[in-house]
Amino acid sequence: GDHLYVISNDNVVAISENDFSGSHTRHVGVMMDMETLFAYEDLLFVGGRSSMNIYAPRGLDAPIELHEFQHATSCDPVLPHYDAAYVTLRTADFTECPGNTNALVVLNIEDPSRTYEVKEVPMFSPYGMSVSGEKLYVAEGKEGLKIFNIADRFSPQLISHFTEAEVYDIIPSPYQTSFLYLAGPDGLAKYVTGDNEELSIVDDFKY
């Protein structure tokens, strides 16, 4: 709608559009250990260390919780896509994320108040995700990047595993679908995808 929502510790900050002076800003307590916030259509999807929660936003008022999907303690991004949502769970050797589960979890969110798990795909160390067309890209840190076909949104099929770079997040170009921006430990790099999902570096933006 006409509000910007930002995670700040255990609060969601609601800011009226085009007003960053603070006069139309409110901190709303939502849940503990929030890590990611994704606005999709008319809902807010919040990824936390122990659950994925769906909220109905209400401007500067506290959002209404529609559903809580609990999962193993982990670091947890969430990415909704039509009537599916992809949740990555990252734990193992990461001290800030105690546990032993590293997986891509597929949820059915057709009814946001009755979300349920459809599939779990084992992973190495999943971080950020992006969807472009019928492909789901999952950054695997030191293990590179995995590309899934999601023609069937509830059953991702691995079609490529790129291991030549350390990848922690990925942003498909909004203008040219063949270009991908991969975030690594040294900065952002631009890649182009080939016919068989091969990735070739085009430019490097180190920082």
N, C-alpha and C. Protein backbone atom coordinates (compact mmCIF):
# COMPACT_ATOMS: atom_id res chain seq x y z
N GLY A 1 0.83 -1.19 0.00
CA GLY A 1 0.00 0.00 0.00
C GLY A 1 0.86 1.25 0.00
N ASP A 2 0.56 2.18 0.89
CA ASP A 2 1.32 3.44 0.92
C ASP A 2 2.19 3.55 2.15
N HIS A 3 2.70 2.38 2.63
CA HIS A 3 3.59 2.38 3.79
C HIS A 3 4.84 1.56 3.50
N LEU A 4 5.91 1.96 4.16
CA LEU A 4 7.17 1.23 4.11
C LEU A 4 7.33 0.50 5.44
N TYR A 5 7.66 -0.79 5.39
CA TYR A 5 7.82 -1.59 6.60
C TYR A 5 9.28 -2.04 6.71
N VAL A 6 9.86 -1.84 7.90
CA VAL A 6 11.27 -2.14 8.13
C VAL A 6 11.41 -2.92 9.44
N ILE A 7 12.25 -3.96 9.43
CA ILE A 7 12.53 -4.70 10.66
C ILE A 7 13.55 -3.93 11.49
N SER A 8 13.26 -3.79 12.79
CA SER A 8 14.19 -3.15 13.72
C SER A 8 14.12 -3.91 15.04
N ASN A 9 15.13 -4.78 15.25
CA ASN A 9 15.14 -5.63 16.44
C ASN A 9 13.86 -6.46 16.49
N ASP A 10 13.05 -6.29 17.54
CA ASP A 10 11.83 -7.07 17.66
C ASP A 10 10.59 -6.27 17.27
N ASN A 11 10.81 -5.20 16.52
CA ASN A 11 9.71 -4.36 16.06
C ASN A 11 9.69 -4.27 14.55
N VAL A 12 8.49 -4.07 14.02
CA VAL A 12 8.35 -3.65 12.63
C VAL A 12 8.09 -2.16 12.65
N VAL A 13 8.88 -1.41 11.91
CA VAL A 13 8.70 0.03 11.82
C VAL A 13 7.81 0.32 10.62
N ALA A 14 6.68 0.97 10.86
CA ALA A 14 5.77 1.35 9.79
C ALA A 14 5.95 2.84 9.51
N ILE A 15 6.24 3.18 8.25
CA ILE A 15 6.51 4.56 7.86
C ILE A 15 5.56 4.95 6.74
N SER A 16 4.90 6.07 6.90
CA SER A 16 4.02 6.55 5.83
C SER A 16 4.86 6.93 4.62
N GLU A 17 4.36 6.62 3.46
CA GLU A 17 5.09 6.87 2.22
C GLU A 17 5.45 8.36 2.07
N ASN A 18 6.69 8.59 1.68
CA ASN A 18 7.19 9.95 1.43
C ASN A 18 7.24 10.83 2.67
N ASP A 19 7.23 10.19 3.87
CA ASP A 19 7.35 10.98 5.10
C ASP A 19 8.33 10.28 6.03
N PHE A 20 9.60 10.68 5.96
CA PHE A 20 10.63 10.05 6.76
C PHE A 20 11.06 10.95 7.93
N SER A 21 10.25 11.94 8.26
CA SER A 21 10.60 12.86 9.33
C SER A 21 10.39 12.23 10.71
N GLY A 22 9.59 11.17 10.77
CA GLY A 22 9.30 10.53 12.05
C GLY A 22 7.93 10.88 12.57
N SER A 23 7.27 11.89 12.01
CA SER A 23 5.96 12.28 12.50
C SER A 23 4.88 11.27 12.12
N HIS A 24 5.14 10.49 11.08
CA HIS A 24 4.19 9.45 10.67
C HIS A 24 4.90 8.09 10.64
N THR A 25 5.54 7.76 11.77
CA THR A 25 6.29 6.51 11.91
C THR A 25 5.88 5.84 13.22
N ARG A 26 5.77 4.53 13.20
CA ARG A 26 5.41 3.83 14.43
C ARG A 26 6.16 2.51 14.53
N HIS A 27 6.68 2.21 15.72
CA HIS A 27 7.31 0.91 16.00
C HIS A 27 6.24 -0.02 16.57
N VAL A 28 6.06 -1.15 15.92
CA VAL A 28 5.02 -2.09 16.33
C VAL A 28 5.69 -3.40 16.71
N GLY A 29 5.54 -3.84 17.96
CA GLY A 29 6.10 -5.12 18.37
C GLY A 29 5.39 -6.25 17.67
N VAL A 30 6.14 -7.11 16.99
CA VAL A 30 5.53 -8.21 16.24
C VAL A 30 5.99 -9.55 16.78
N MET A 31 7.29 -9.86 16.69
CA MET A 31 7.77 -11.16 17.15
C MET A 31 9.26 -11.07 17.44
N MET A 32 9.78 -12.06 18.15
CA MET A 32 11.20 -12.10 18.49
C MET A 32 12.01 -12.63 17.32
N ASP A 33 13.26 -12.21 17.24
CA ASP A 33 14.24 -12.78 16.30
C ASP A 33 13.81 -12.70 14.85
N MET A 34 13.19 -11.60 14.46
CA MET A 34 12.84 -11.42 13.05
C MET A 34 14.10 -11.21 12.22
N GLU A 35 14.14 -11.81 11.04
CA GLU A 35 15.32 -11.68 10.18
C GLU A 35 15.00 -11.13 8.80
N THR A 36 13.86 -11.51 8.24
CA THR A 36 13.50 -11.03 6.91
C THR A 36 12.04 -10.62 6.88
N LEU A 37 11.76 -9.65 6.03
CA LEU A 37 10.39 -9.16 5.85
C LEU A 37 10.13 -9.02 4.36
N PHE A 38 9.07 -9.66 3.87
CA PHE A 38 8.78 -9.64 2.45
C PHE A 38 7.31 -9.28 2.26
N ALA A 39 7.05 -8.15 1.61
CA ALA A 39 5.68 -7.76 1.29
C ALA A 39 5.28 -8.39 -0.04
N TYR A 40 4.17 -9.11 -0.04
CA TYR A 40 3.72 -9.77 -1.26
C TYR A 40 2.21 -9.61 -1.37
N GLU A 41 1.78 -8.99 -2.48
CA GLU A 41 0.38 -8.64 -2.68
C GLU A 41 -0.08 -7.83 -1.47
N ASP A 42 -1.04 -8.29 -0.68
CA ASP A 42 -1.52 -7.49 0.43
C ASP A 42 -1.16 -8.10 1.78
N LEU A 43 -0.04 -8.84 1.82
CA LEU A 43 0.37 -9.50 3.06
C LEU A 43 1.84 -9.22 3.37
N LEU A 44 2.22 -9.41 4.63
CA LEU A 44 3.61 -9.32 5.07
C LEU A 44 4.06 -10.71 5.52
N PHE A 45 5.16 -11.19 4.96
CA PHE A 45 5.72 -12.48 5.33
C PHE A 45 7.00 -12.22 6.13
N VAL A 46 7.03 -12.69 7.37
CA VAL A 46 8.15 -12.45 8.26
C VAL A 46 8.87 -13.76 8.54
N GLY A 47 10.16 -13.79 8.26
CA GLY A 47 10.98 -14.95 8.57
C GLY A 47 11.72 -14.74 9.86
N GLY A 48 11.56 -15.64 10.81
CA GLY A 48 12.25 -15.57 12.09
C GLY A 48 13.06 -16.82 12.33
N ARG A 49 13.73 -16.88 13.47
CA ARG A 49 14.60 -18.02 13.74
C ARG A 49 13.85 -19.28 14.13
N SER A 50 12.58 -19.16 14.48
CA SER A 50 11.82 -20.35 14.86
C SER A 50 10.49 -20.47 14.14
N SER A 51 10.16 -19.50 13.30
CA SER A 51 8.88 -19.58 12.60
C SER A 51 8.84 -18.65 11.39
N MET A 52 7.87 -18.92 10.51
CA MET A 52 7.52 -18.03 9.41
C MET A 52 6.10 -17.55 9.69
N ASN A 53 5.91 -16.23 9.77
CA ASN A 53 4.62 -15.68 10.14
C ASN A 53 4.05 -14.84 9.01
N ILE A 54 2.74 -14.89 8.86
CA ILE A 54 2.05 -14.11 7.85
C ILE A 54 1.16 -13.09 8.55
N TYR A 55 1.27 -11.82 8.13
CA TYR A 55 0.50 -10.74 8.74
C TYR A 55 -0.27 -9.97 7.68
N ALA A 56 -1.39 -9.41 8.10
CA ALA A 56 -2.13 -8.46 7.27
C ALA A 56 -1.75 -7.07 7.76
N PRO A 57 -1.11 -6.25 6.93
CA PRO A 57 -0.67 -4.92 7.38
C PRO A 57 -1.86 -3.98 7.58
N ARG A 58 -1.69 -3.02 8.50
CA ARG A 58 -2.74 -2.02 8.76
C ARG A 58 -2.14 -0.63 8.92
N GLY A 59 -1.31 -0.25 7.96
CA GLY A 59 -0.72 1.08 8.02
C GLY A 59 0.15 1.26 9.25
N LEU A 60 -0.13 2.29 10.06
CA LEU A 60 0.65 2.56 11.26
C LEU A 60 0.16 1.76 12.46
N ASP A 61 -0.93 1.04 12.30
CA ASP A 61 -1.43 0.20 13.40
C ASP A 61 -0.76 -1.17 13.36
N ALA A 62 -0.85 -1.89 14.47
CA ALA A 62 -0.23 -3.21 14.55
C ALA A 62 -0.83 -4.14 13.51
N PRO A 63 0.01 -4.85 12.75
CA PRO A 63 -0.52 -5.79 11.76
C PRO A 63 -1.22 -6.96 12.45
N ILE A 64 -2.14 -7.58 11.74
CA ILE A 64 -2.90 -8.72 12.28
C ILE A 64 -2.21 -10.01 11.86
N GLU A 65 -1.89 -10.88 12.81
CA GLU A 65 -1.27 -12.16 12.49
C GLU A 65 -2.33 -13.13 11.95
N LEU A 66 -2.03 -13.70 10.78
CA LEU A 66 -2.94 -14.67 10.16
C LEU A 66 -2.52 -16.10 10.40
N HIS A 67 -1.18 -16.32 10.46
CA HIS A 67 -0.72 -17.70 10.63
C HIS A 67 0.73 -17.71 11.09
N GLU A 68 1.08 -18.76 11.85
CA GLU A 68 2.46 -18.98 12.26
C GLU A 68 2.84 -20.41 11.89
N PHE A 69 3.88 -20.53 11.06
CA PHE A 69 4.41 -21.85 10.71
C PHE A 69 5.71 -22.03 11.48
N GLN A 70 5.72 -22.94 12.44
CA GLN A 70 6.91 -23.16 13.26
C GLN A 70 7.84 -24.16 12.60
N HIS A 71 9.15 -23.93 12.77
CA HIS A 71 10.15 -24.82 12.19
C HIS A 71 11.35 -24.90 13.13
N ALA A 72 12.33 -25.69 12.75
CA ALA A 72 13.54 -25.84 13.57
C ALA A 72 14.22 -24.49 13.73
N THR A 73 14.87 -24.27 14.86
CA THR A 73 15.60 -23.03 15.10
C THR A 73 16.69 -22.87 14.05
N SER A 74 16.69 -21.72 13.38
CA SER A 74 17.62 -21.51 12.27
C SER A 74 17.57 -20.06 11.83
N CYS A 75 18.48 -19.69 10.92
CA CYS A 75 18.36 -18.41 10.23
C CYS A 75 17.44 -18.63 9.04
N ASP A 76 16.53 -17.69 8.79
CA ASP A 76 15.36 -18.04 8.00
C ASP A 76 14.86 -16.94 7.08
N PRO A 77 15.31 -16.89 5.82
CA PRO A 77 14.63 -16.03 4.84
C PRO A 77 13.35 -16.70 4.33
N VAL A 78 12.40 -15.88 3.85
CA VAL A 78 11.16 -16.43 3.28
C VAL A 78 10.86 -15.67 1.99
N LEU A 79 10.39 -16.41 0.97
CA LEU A 79 10.11 -15.82 -0.33
C LEU A 79 8.78 -16.36 -0.86
N PRO A 80 7.69 -15.58 -0.79
CA PRO A 80 6.41 -16.03 -1.35
C PRO A 80 6.40 -15.90 -2.86
N HIS A 81 5.67 -16.82 -3.50
CA HIS A 81 5.58 -16.81 -4.97
C HIS A 81 4.26 -17.47 -5.37
N TYR A 82 3.29 -16.65 -5.77
CA TYR A 82 1.93 -17.11 -6.05
C TYR A 82 1.37 -17.83 -4.82
N ASP A 83 0.97 -19.08 -4.94
CA ASP A 83 0.38 -19.80 -3.80
C ASP A 83 1.40 -20.68 -3.09
N ALA A 84 2.69 -20.44 -3.33
CA ALA A 84 3.75 -21.16 -2.63
C ALA A 84 4.64 -20.16 -1.91
N ALA A 85 5.35 -20.64 -0.90
CA ALA A 85 6.35 -19.83 -0.23
C ALA A 85 7.57 -20.71 0.01
N TYR A 86 8.75 -20.16 -0.25
CA TYR A 86 10.01 -20.89 -0.06
C TYR A 86 10.71 -20.34 1.17
N VAL A 87 11.08 -21.23 2.07
CA VAL A 87 11.74 -20.87 3.31
C VAL A 87 13.06 -21.62 3.37
N THR A 88 14.18 -20.91 3.57
CA THR A 88 15.45 -21.60 3.74
C THR A 88 15.82 -21.61 5.21
N LEU A 89 16.24 -22.78 5.68
CA LEU A 89 16.68 -22.96 7.06
C LEU A 89 18.18 -23.21 7.06
N ARG A 90 18.93 -22.38 7.80
CA ARG A 90 20.38 -22.51 7.83
C ARG A 90 20.85 -22.61 9.27
N THR A 91 21.54 -23.69 9.59
CA THR A 91 22.01 -23.87 10.97
C THR A 91 23.41 -24.45 10.94
N ALA A 92 23.59 -25.64 11.52
CA ALA A 92 24.86 -26.38 11.53
C ALA A 92 25.97 -25.58 12.17
N ASP A 93 26.99 -25.16 11.39
CA ASP A 93 28.19 -24.55 11.95
C ASP A 93 28.05 -23.07 12.27
N PHE A 94 26.85 -22.51 12.13
CA PHE A 94 26.67 -21.09 12.34
C PHE A 94 26.24 -20.83 13.77
N THR A 95 27.12 -20.21 14.57
CA THR A 95 26.86 -20.08 16.00
C THR A 95 25.63 -19.25 16.30
N GLU A 96 25.28 -18.30 15.43
CA GLU A 96 24.10 -17.48 15.67
C GLU A 96 22.81 -18.21 15.32
N CYS A 97 22.94 -19.38 14.71
CA CYS A 97 21.77 -20.17 14.31
C CYS A 97 21.93 -21.60 14.79
N PRO A 98 21.74 -21.85 16.09
CA PRO A 98 21.96 -23.20 16.61
C PRO A 98 20.97 -24.20 16.03
N GLY A 99 21.44 -25.43 15.81
CA GLY A 99 20.58 -26.46 15.26
C GLY A 99 21.35 -27.33 14.29
N ASN A 100 20.65 -28.15 13.55
CA ASN A 100 21.32 -29.03 12.60
C ASN A 100 20.52 -29.22 11.32
N THR A 101 19.68 -28.24 10.97
CA THR A 101 18.85 -28.35 9.78
C THR A 101 19.29 -27.34 8.73
N ASN A 102 19.61 -27.83 7.53
CA ASN A 102 19.90 -26.97 6.38
C ASN A 102 19.01 -27.46 5.25
N ALA A 103 17.99 -26.66 4.92
CA ALA A 103 17.00 -27.16 3.97
C ALA A 103 16.25 -26.01 3.30
N LEU A 104 15.65 -26.33 2.15
CA LEU A 104 14.69 -25.47 1.48
C LEU A 104 13.32 -26.08 1.73
N VAL A 105 12.46 -25.34 2.41
CA VAL A 105 11.13 -25.83 2.74
C VAL A 105 10.11 -25.14 1.84
N VAL A 106 9.21 -25.92 1.25
CA VAL A 106 8.16 -25.40 0.37
C VAL A 106 6.83 -25.44 1.12
N LEU A 107 6.18 -24.29 1.20
CA LEU A 107 4.90 -24.19 1.90
C LEU A 107 3.77 -23.88 0.92
N ASN A 108 2.59 -24.39 1.21
CA ASN A 108 1.38 -24.02 0.48
C ASN A 108 0.74 -22.86 1.23
N ILE A 109 0.61 -21.69 0.58
CA ILE A 109 0.04 -20.51 1.23
C ILE A 109 -1.23 -20.06 0.51
N GLU A 110 -1.86 -20.99 -0.20
CA GLU A 110 -3.09 -20.64 -0.92
C GLU A 110 -4.11 -20.02 0.03
N ASP A 111 -4.24 -20.59 1.22
CA ASP A 111 -5.03 -20.01 2.29
C ASP A 111 -4.04 -19.53 3.35
N PRO A 112 -3.76 -18.23 3.43
CA PRO A 112 -2.73 -17.72 4.34
C PRO A 112 -2.98 -18.08 5.81
N SER A 113 -4.21 -18.40 6.17
CA SER A 113 -4.50 -18.75 7.56
C SER A 113 -4.33 -20.24 7.82
N ARG A 114 -4.02 -21.01 6.76
CA ARG A 114 -3.86 -22.46 6.91
C ARG A 114 -2.62 -22.94 6.14
N THR A 115 -1.51 -22.27 6.35
CA THR A 115 -0.26 -22.62 5.67
C THR A 115 0.25 -23.99 6.14
N TYR A 116 0.75 -24.78 5.19
CA TYR A 116 1.31 -26.08 5.57
C TYR A 116 2.47 -26.44 4.66
N GLU A 117 3.35 -27.32 5.18
CA GLU A 117 4.53 -27.75 4.44
C GLU A 117 4.17 -28.79 3.38
N VAL A 118 4.77 -28.62 2.20
CA VAL A 118 4.55 -29.55 1.09
C VAL A 118 5.78 -30.40 0.84
N LYS A 119 6.96 -29.77 0.93
CA LYS A 119 8.20 -30.48 0.58
C LYS A 119 9.38 -29.86 1.31
N GLU A 120 10.40 -30.69 1.57
CA GLU A 120 11.65 -30.21 2.14
C GLU A 120 12.81 -30.75 1.31
N VAL A 121 13.67 -29.84 0.86
CA VAL A 121 14.82 -30.20 0.02
C VAL A 121 16.10 -29.98 0.83
N PRO A 122 16.93 -31.00 1.03
CA PRO A 122 18.18 -30.82 1.78
C PRO A 122 19.11 -29.84 1.07
N MET A 123 19.79 -28.99 1.85
CA MET A 123 20.72 -28.01 1.31
C MET A 123 22.01 -28.06 2.12
N PHE A 124 23.05 -27.31 1.65
CA PHE A 124 24.30 -27.21 2.38
C PHE A 124 24.24 -26.09 3.41
N SER A 125 24.07 -24.85 2.94
CA SER A 125 24.05 -23.69 3.84
C SER A 125 23.30 -22.55 3.14
N PRO A 126 21.98 -22.66 3.00
CA PRO A 126 21.22 -21.70 2.19
C PRO A 126 21.13 -20.31 2.81
N TYR A 127 21.30 -19.30 1.98
CA TYR A 127 21.19 -17.90 2.39
C TYR A 127 20.04 -17.25 1.62
N GLY A 128 20.33 -16.22 0.80
CA GLY A 128 19.29 -15.49 0.10
C GLY A 128 18.72 -16.25 -1.08
N MET A 129 17.51 -15.84 -1.48
CA MET A 129 16.81 -16.48 -2.61
C MET A 129 16.23 -15.42 -3.53
N SER A 130 15.97 -15.82 -4.78
CA SER A 130 15.24 -14.99 -5.73
C SER A 130 14.53 -15.88 -6.72
N VAL A 131 13.42 -15.36 -7.26
CA VAL A 131 12.69 -16.06 -8.30
C VAL A 131 12.71 -15.20 -9.56
N SER A 132 12.95 -15.84 -10.70
CA SER A 132 12.87 -15.17 -11.98
C SER A 132 12.24 -16.13 -12.97
N GLY A 133 11.05 -15.78 -13.46
CA GLY A 133 10.35 -16.69 -14.35
C GLY A 133 10.00 -17.98 -13.64
N GLU A 134 10.42 -19.10 -14.20
CA GLU A 134 10.16 -20.40 -13.60
C GLU A 134 11.41 -20.98 -12.95
N LYS A 135 12.31 -20.09 -12.49
CA LYS A 135 13.53 -20.53 -11.83
C LYS A 135 13.63 -19.93 -10.43
N LEU A 136 14.06 -20.76 -9.50
CA LEU A 136 14.33 -20.33 -8.13
C LEU A 136 15.83 -20.41 -7.91
N TYR A 137 16.44 -19.30 -7.51
CA TYR A 137 17.87 -19.25 -7.25
C TYR A 137 18.09 -19.21 -5.74
N VAL A 138 18.95 -20.11 -5.25
CA VAL A 138 19.23 -20.17 -3.82
C VAL A 138 20.74 -20.07 -3.61
N ALA A 139 21.16 -19.02 -2.90
CA ALA A 139 22.59 -18.85 -2.59
C ALA A 139 22.98 -19.85 -1.51
N GLU A 140 24.13 -20.50 -1.71
CA GLU A 140 24.60 -21.53 -0.79
C GLU A 140 25.93 -21.17 -0.11
N GLY A 141 26.23 -19.85 -0.05
CA GLY A 141 27.46 -19.43 0.61
C GLY A 141 28.69 -19.97 -0.09
N LYS A 142 29.57 -20.64 0.66
CA LYS A 142 30.79 -21.20 0.08
C LYS A 142 30.52 -22.32 -0.90
N GLU A 143 29.29 -22.84 -0.89
CA GLU A 143 28.92 -23.92 -1.82
C GLU A 143 28.36 -23.37 -3.13
N GLY A 144 28.35 -22.05 -3.30
CA GLY A 144 27.96 -21.47 -4.58
C GLY A 144 26.49 -21.12 -4.70
N LEU A 145 25.88 -21.51 -5.82
CA LEU A 145 24.51 -21.14 -6.15
C LEU A 145 23.79 -22.33 -6.76
N LYS A 146 22.56 -22.58 -6.31
CA LYS A 146 21.75 -23.64 -6.89
C LYS A 146 20.57 -23.03 -7.63
N ILE A 147 20.27 -23.62 -8.78
CA ILE A 147 19.16 -23.16 -9.62
C ILE A 147 18.13 -24.28 -9.72
N PHE A 148 16.89 -23.97 -9.36
CA PHE A 148 15.81 -24.94 -9.40
C PHE A 148 14.77 -24.53 -10.44
N ASN A 149 14.21 -25.52 -11.12
CA ASN A 149 13.05 -25.30 -11.97
C ASN A 149 11.81 -25.38 -11.10
N ILE A 150 10.97 -24.33 -11.14
CA ILE A 150 9.75 -24.34 -10.33
C ILE A 150 8.51 -24.20 -11.21
N ALA A 151 8.55 -24.86 -12.39
CA ALA A 151 7.35 -24.94 -13.21
C ALA A 151 6.22 -25.53 -12.37
N ASP A 152 6.56 -26.53 -11.55
CA ASP A 152 5.67 -27.01 -10.50
C ASP A 152 6.13 -26.30 -9.23
N ARG A 153 5.40 -25.29 -8.80
CA ARG A 153 5.85 -24.43 -7.70
C ARG A 153 6.07 -25.20 -6.40
N PHE A 154 5.39 -26.32 -6.24
CA PHE A 154 5.48 -27.07 -5.00
C PHE A 154 6.52 -28.19 -5.04
N SER A 155 7.21 -28.31 -6.16
CA SER A 155 8.21 -29.37 -6.29
C SER A 155 9.43 -28.87 -7.04
N PRO A 156 10.29 -28.05 -6.40
CA PRO A 156 11.49 -27.53 -7.08
C PRO A 156 12.40 -28.67 -7.53
N GLN A 157 12.88 -28.56 -8.78
CA GLN A 157 13.79 -29.56 -9.34
C GLN A 157 15.14 -28.91 -9.62
N LEU A 158 16.20 -29.45 -9.02
CA LEU A 158 17.54 -28.88 -9.22
C LEU A 158 17.98 -29.08 -10.67
N ILE A 159 18.37 -27.99 -11.34
CA ILE A 159 18.82 -28.10 -12.72
C ILE A 159 20.27 -27.66 -12.89
N SER A 160 20.83 -26.95 -11.89
CA SER A 160 22.22 -26.52 -12.02
C SER A 160 22.78 -26.16 -10.65
N HIS A 161 24.09 -26.42 -10.48
CA HIS A 161 24.79 -26.06 -9.24
C HIS A 161 26.08 -25.36 -9.64
N PHE A 162 26.12 -24.05 -9.43
CA PHE A 162 27.26 -23.21 -9.78
C PHE A 162 28.18 -23.10 -8.57
N THR A 163 29.41 -23.57 -8.70
CA THR A 163 30.32 -23.64 -7.55
C THR A 163 31.57 -22.78 -7.72
N GLU A 164 31.63 -21.94 -8.74
CA GLU A 164 32.83 -21.17 -9.02
C GLU A 164 32.92 -19.85 -8.25
N ALA A 165 31.91 -19.54 -7.44
CA ALA A 165 31.95 -18.31 -6.65
C ALA A 165 31.24 -18.55 -5.32
N GLU A 166 31.60 -17.74 -4.32
CA GLU A 166 30.95 -17.78 -3.02
C GLU A 166 29.76 -16.82 -3.08
N VAL A 167 28.55 -17.33 -2.86
CA VAL A 167 27.34 -16.54 -3.11
C VAL A 167 26.46 -16.50 -1.85
N TYR A 168 26.09 -15.28 -1.44
CA TYR A 168 25.25 -15.12 -0.25
C TYR A 168 23.89 -14.47 -0.55
N ASP A 169 23.76 -13.88 -1.71
CA ASP A 169 22.46 -13.36 -2.13
C ASP A 169 22.48 -13.21 -3.64
N ILE A 170 21.29 -13.12 -4.23
CA ILE A 170 21.18 -13.04 -5.68
C ILE A 170 20.02 -12.13 -6.06
N ILE A 171 20.26 -11.29 -7.08
CA ILE A 171 19.23 -10.38 -7.57
C ILE A 171 19.15 -10.51 -9.09
N PRO A 172 18.09 -11.10 -9.64
CA PRO A 172 17.93 -11.13 -11.10
C PRO A 172 17.71 -9.71 -11.63
N SER A 173 18.26 -9.40 -12.78
CA SER A 173 18.05 -8.09 -13.37
C SER A 173 16.57 -7.92 -13.72
N PRO A 174 15.96 -6.78 -13.35
CA PRO A 174 14.56 -6.55 -13.70
C PRO A 174 14.36 -6.20 -15.17
N TYR A 175 15.46 -5.96 -15.88
CA TYR A 175 15.37 -5.52 -17.27
C TYR A 175 15.77 -6.60 -18.27
N GLN A 176 16.74 -7.43 -17.91
CA GLN A 176 17.20 -8.50 -18.80
C GLN A 176 17.29 -9.79 -17.99
N THR A 177 16.41 -10.74 -18.26
CA THR A 177 16.31 -11.94 -17.44
C THR A 177 17.57 -12.81 -17.51
N SER A 178 18.42 -12.60 -18.49
CA SER A 178 19.63 -13.42 -18.61
C SER A 178 20.75 -12.93 -17.69
N PHE A 179 20.56 -11.77 -17.04
CA PHE A 179 21.60 -11.23 -16.17
C PHE A 179 21.24 -11.43 -14.70
N LEU A 180 22.24 -11.83 -13.91
CA LEU A 180 22.08 -12.04 -12.48
C LEU A 180 23.15 -11.27 -11.73
N TYR A 181 22.79 -10.71 -10.59
CA TYR A 181 23.76 -10.04 -9.72
C TYR A 181 23.96 -10.93 -8.49
N LEU A 182 25.18 -11.40 -8.29
CA LEU A 182 25.50 -12.29 -7.17
C LEU A 182 26.30 -11.52 -6.13
N ALA A 183 25.87 -11.60 -4.87
CA ALA A 183 26.57 -10.94 -3.78
C ALA A 183 27.47 -11.94 -3.08
N GLY A 184 28.75 -11.61 -3.00
CA GLY A 184 29.73 -12.48 -2.36
C GLY A 184 30.47 -11.73 -1.27
N PRO A 185 31.52 -12.32 -0.71
CA PRO A 185 32.26 -11.68 0.39
C PRO A 185 32.99 -10.41 -0.03
N ASP A 186 33.27 -10.24 -1.33
CA ASP A 186 34.04 -9.08 -1.79
C ASP A 186 33.19 -8.04 -2.50
N GLY A 187 31.90 -8.29 -2.64
CA GLY A 187 31.06 -7.32 -3.32
C GLY A 187 30.05 -7.97 -4.24
N LEU A 188 29.62 -7.21 -5.25
CA LEU A 188 28.58 -7.63 -6.18
C LEU A 188 29.19 -7.92 -7.54
N ALA A 189 28.77 -9.02 -8.17
CA ALA A 189 29.27 -9.37 -9.49
C ALA A 189 28.10 -9.64 -10.42
N LYS A 190 28.23 -9.21 -11.66
CA LYS A 190 27.19 -9.39 -12.66
C LYS A 190 27.53 -10.58 -13.54
N TYR A 191 26.58 -11.51 -13.68
CA TYR A 191 26.77 -12.71 -14.48
C TYR A 191 25.70 -12.79 -15.56
N VAL A 192 26.02 -13.52 -16.62
CA VAL A 192 25.04 -13.80 -17.67
C VAL A 192 24.82 -15.31 -17.72
N THR A 193 23.57 -15.73 -17.91
CA THR A 193 23.24 -17.15 -17.95
C THR A 193 23.24 -17.64 -19.39
N GLY A 194 23.78 -18.85 -19.60
CA GLY A 194 23.81 -19.46 -20.92
C GLY A 194 22.63 -20.39 -21.14
N ASP A 195 22.66 -21.08 -22.29
CA ASP A 195 21.54 -21.96 -22.66
C ASP A 195 21.35 -23.10 -21.67
N ASN A 196 22.44 -23.60 -21.09
CA ASN A 196 22.36 -24.73 -20.17
C ASN A 196 22.57 -24.28 -18.73
N GLU A 197 22.18 -23.03 -18.43
CA GLU A 197 22.29 -22.44 -17.10
C GLU A 197 23.73 -22.22 -16.65
N GLU A 198 24.69 -22.23 -17.62
CA GLU A 198 26.05 -21.87 -17.23
C GLU A 198 26.09 -20.38 -16.91
N LEU A 199 26.94 -20.01 -15.94
CA LEU A 199 27.08 -18.61 -15.55
C LEU A 199 28.46 -18.10 -15.94
N SER A 200 28.50 -16.94 -16.58
CA SER A 200 29.77 -16.31 -16.96
C SER A 200 29.78 -14.89 -16.42
N ILE A 201 30.89 -14.51 -15.78
CA ILE A 201 30.97 -13.19 -15.18
C ILE A 201 31.08 -12.11 -16.26
N VAL A 202 30.36 -11.01 -16.06
CA VAL A 202 30.35 -9.88 -17.00
C VAL A 202 31.07 -8.70 -16.38
N ASP A 203 30.81 -8.42 -15.11
CA ASP A 203 31.43 -7.27 -14.46
C ASP A 203 31.53 -7.54 -12.97
N ASP A 204 32.46 -6.84 -12.32
CA ASP A 204 32.73 -7.05 -10.90
C ASP A 204 32.70 -5.71 -10.20
N PHE A 205 31.86 -5.60 -9.14
CA PHE A 205 31.74 -4.34 -8.40
C PHE A 205 32.21 -4.57 -6.97
N LYS A 206 33.51 -4.63 -6.76
CA LYS A 206 34.03 -4.91 -5.43
C LYS A 206 33.92 -3.67 -4.53
N TYR A 207 33.75 -3.92 -3.22
CA TYR A 207 33.70 -2.83 -2.25
C TYR A 207 34.49 -3.20 -1.01
